[in-house]
Amino acid sequence: MKAMMQACLLVASTLAVAQTPAPAALRDPTKPPAAYSAVLNPPVQQAASLFQPRQVVVVNGEHLLVWNGRRYKVGDSIDGARIEKIGEAEIWMHGVEGTRKLSLFDGVEKRPPRTSSPVITLGEEAATSKKGHKK
C-alpha cells in the first residue's frame, strides 16, 4: 500500500512539472496587455510636436515659460522650435511645421464675467436665510 502511494505521488508530481509552462512563457502580471502598448508607446514624432507647455511665470513684467526646470523667454528655442510669443494662457512657437499656438489649458477660454446676474453679499444672504424673511 505504501509503495502504491509513493508511485501515485511520483506520477502526480511528474505530470505537474510537465504541464507547467517554461519561465520564458510566463507573463509579467504587472505589465499591461500588448494591446495597450500602442497607446503607451506612440509612434515617434518630431520633438516639437510633442511639446506641451504647462507653466508660465511673470518676472519683472516679462512672461517666461518654465519647461523641465528651466525658464525660456521669447526668442529661445525648445527642441528646434523658436518661441515667438508668450501669453498668460498660450505660447506661440515657430518650427518646421510653421507657427503654432499651444494652449496651457486646453478647452478653457478666458471671457469677461457676466454682469446681468445679481450679486448677493454675505450679510444679505444671512439675513434672508432665516425663514425667508428679512430682519
Protein backbone atom coordinates (compact mmCIF):
# COMPACT_ATOMS: atom_id res chain seq x y z
CA MET A 1 0.00 0.00 0.00
CA LYS A 2 2.82 2.38 0.91
CA ALA A 3 4.65 1.60 -2.34
CA MET A 4 1.50 2.27 -4.35
CA MET A 5 1.02 5.62 -2.62
CA GLN A 6 4.63 6.62 -3.39
CA ALA A 7 4.18 5.60 -7.03
CA CYS A 8 0.99 7.71 -7.35
CA LEU A 9 2.74 10.67 -5.76
CA LEU A 10 5.69 10.31 -8.15
CA VAL A 11 3.39 10.17 -11.20
CA ALA A 12 1.35 13.18 -10.00
CA SER A 13 4.44 15.31 -9.37
CA THR A 14 5.91 14.33 -12.76
CA LEU A 15 2.68 15.35 -14.53
CA ALA A 16 2.52 18.66 -12.63
CA VAL A 17 6.08 19.54 -13.63
CA ALA A 18 5.49 18.52 -17.25
CA GLN A 19 2.38 20.73 -17.55
CA THR A 20 3.88 23.96 -16.14
CA PRO A 21 4.99 26.40 -18.85
CA ALA A 22 8.60 27.35 -19.32
CA PRO A 23 9.69 30.50 -17.41
CA ALA A 24 10.01 32.43 -20.68
CA ALA A 25 6.32 31.80 -21.43
CA LEU A 26 5.14 33.29 -18.13
CA ARG A 27 3.74 36.81 -18.48
CA ASP A 28 4.63 39.56 -16.04
CA PRO A 29 1.35 40.26 -14.16
CA THR A 30 2.27 43.93 -13.64
CA LYS A 31 2.83 44.54 -17.37
CA PRO A 32 -0.21 45.79 -19.35
CA PRO A 33 -1.55 43.67 -22.23
CA ALA A 34 0.11 44.03 -25.63
CA ALA A 35 -2.95 45.87 -27.00
CA TYR A 36 -2.10 48.84 -24.77
CA SER A 37 1.50 49.12 -25.96
CA ALA A 38 0.43 51.20 -28.98
CA VAL A 39 -1.28 53.67 -26.65
CA LEU A 40 1.55 53.76 -24.13
CA ASN A 41 4.31 53.98 -26.76
CA PRO A 42 3.01 56.19 -29.59
CA PRO A 43 4.95 56.33 -32.86
CA VAL A 44 7.96 58.62 -32.75
CA GLN A 45 7.04 62.15 -33.85
CA GLN A 46 9.02 65.32 -34.09
CA ALA A 47 10.00 66.58 -30.66
CA ALA A 48 8.39 69.99 -31.26
CA SER A 49 5.00 68.40 -31.94
CA LEU A 50 5.17 66.51 -28.60
CA PHE A 51 5.92 69.69 -26.63
CA GLN A 52 3.06 70.72 -24.36
CA PRO A 53 3.57 73.85 -22.21
CA ARG A 54 2.47 73.62 -18.57
CA GLN A 55 3.59 76.77 -16.73
CA VAL A 56 4.14 80.46 -17.42
CA VAL A 57 5.61 82.83 -14.83
CA VAL A 58 5.93 86.61 -14.85
CA VAL A 59 9.29 88.01 -13.70
CA ASN A 60 9.75 91.80 -13.73
CA GLY A 61 6.79 92.14 -16.10
CA GLU A 62 8.18 89.60 -18.61
CA HIS A 63 6.31 86.35 -19.33
CA LEU A 64 8.61 83.32 -19.14
CA LEU A 65 7.86 79.70 -19.99
CA VAL A 66 9.03 77.11 -17.45
CA TRP A 67 9.88 73.79 -19.08
CA ASN A 68 11.87 70.95 -17.49
CA GLY A 69 13.05 73.23 -14.67
CA ARG A 70 14.41 75.93 -16.97
CA ARG A 71 13.00 79.36 -17.87
CA TYR A 72 12.59 80.28 -21.54
CA LYS A 73 11.85 83.73 -22.97
CA VAL A 74 10.76 84.95 -26.40
CA GLY A 75 13.46 84.08 -28.94
CA ASP A 76 14.69 80.94 -27.14
CA SER A 77 14.36 77.52 -28.79
CA ILE A 78 12.94 74.28 -27.45
CA ASP A 79 13.57 71.11 -29.48
CA GLY A 80 14.20 73.10 -32.66
CA ALA A 81 11.13 75.33 -32.35
CA ARG A 82 11.59 79.04 -31.59
CA ILE A 83 9.33 80.81 -29.07
CA GLU A 84 7.59 83.69 -30.86
CA LYS A 85 5.24 84.95 -28.12
CA ILE A 86 4.38 84.02 -24.53
CA GLY A 87 0.95 84.99 -23.23
CA GLU A 88 -0.70 84.25 -19.91
CA ALA A 89 -2.52 81.22 -21.34
CA GLU A 90 -0.73 80.34 -24.60
CA ILE A 91 2.67 80.01 -26.25
CA TRP A 92 3.31 80.78 -29.93
CA MET A 93 6.12 78.64 -31.39
CA HIS A 94 7.65 78.62 -34.87
CA GLY A 95 9.19 75.39 -36.12
CA VAL A 96 9.36 73.17 -39.19
CA GLU A 97 5.56 72.87 -39.25
CA GLY A 98 5.12 76.67 -39.19
CA THR A 99 3.81 78.84 -36.36
CA ARG A 100 1.58 77.08 -33.84
CA LYS A 101 -0.39 78.28 -30.83
CA LEU A 102 -0.05 75.96 -27.83
CA SER A 103 -2.57 76.47 -25.04
CA LEU A 104 -1.66 75.99 -21.40
CA PHE A 105 -5.23 74.95 -20.64
CA ASP A 106 -6.89 73.00 -23.47
CA GLY A 107 -10.58 73.74 -23.79
CA VAL A 108 -10.52 76.75 -21.47
CA GLU A 109 -11.41 80.14 -22.89
CA LYS A 110 -10.99 83.38 -20.97
CA ARG A 111 -14.07 85.63 -21.10
CA PRO A 112 -15.19 88.67 -19.11
CA PRO A 113 -17.62 87.92 -16.28
CA ARG A 114 -21.36 88.27 -16.80
CA THR A 115 -22.80 91.42 -15.21
CA SER A 116 -26.51 90.55 -15.52
CA SER A 117 -26.59 88.11 -12.58
CA PRO A 118 -27.48 89.62 -9.20
CA VAL A 119 -24.77 89.76 -6.58
CA ILE A 120 -25.74 88.84 -3.03
CA THR A 121 -23.42 89.84 -0.25
CA LEU A 122 -22.90 87.58 2.73
CA GLY A 123 -24.78 89.94 5.06
CA GLU A 124 -27.93 89.94 2.90
CA GLU A 125 -27.78 86.16 2.42
CA ALA A 126 -27.57 85.53 6.17
CA ALA A 127 -30.42 87.97 6.86
CA THR A 128 -32.78 86.34 4.33
CA SER A 129 -31.87 82.74 5.12
CA LYS A 130 -33.94 82.61 8.34
CA LYS A 131 -37.48 81.62 7.31
CA GLY A 132 -37.10 83.65 4.11
CA HIS A 133 -37.78 86.97 5.85
CA LYS A 134 -35.54 89.96 6.20
CA LYS A 135 -34.82 91.20 9.68
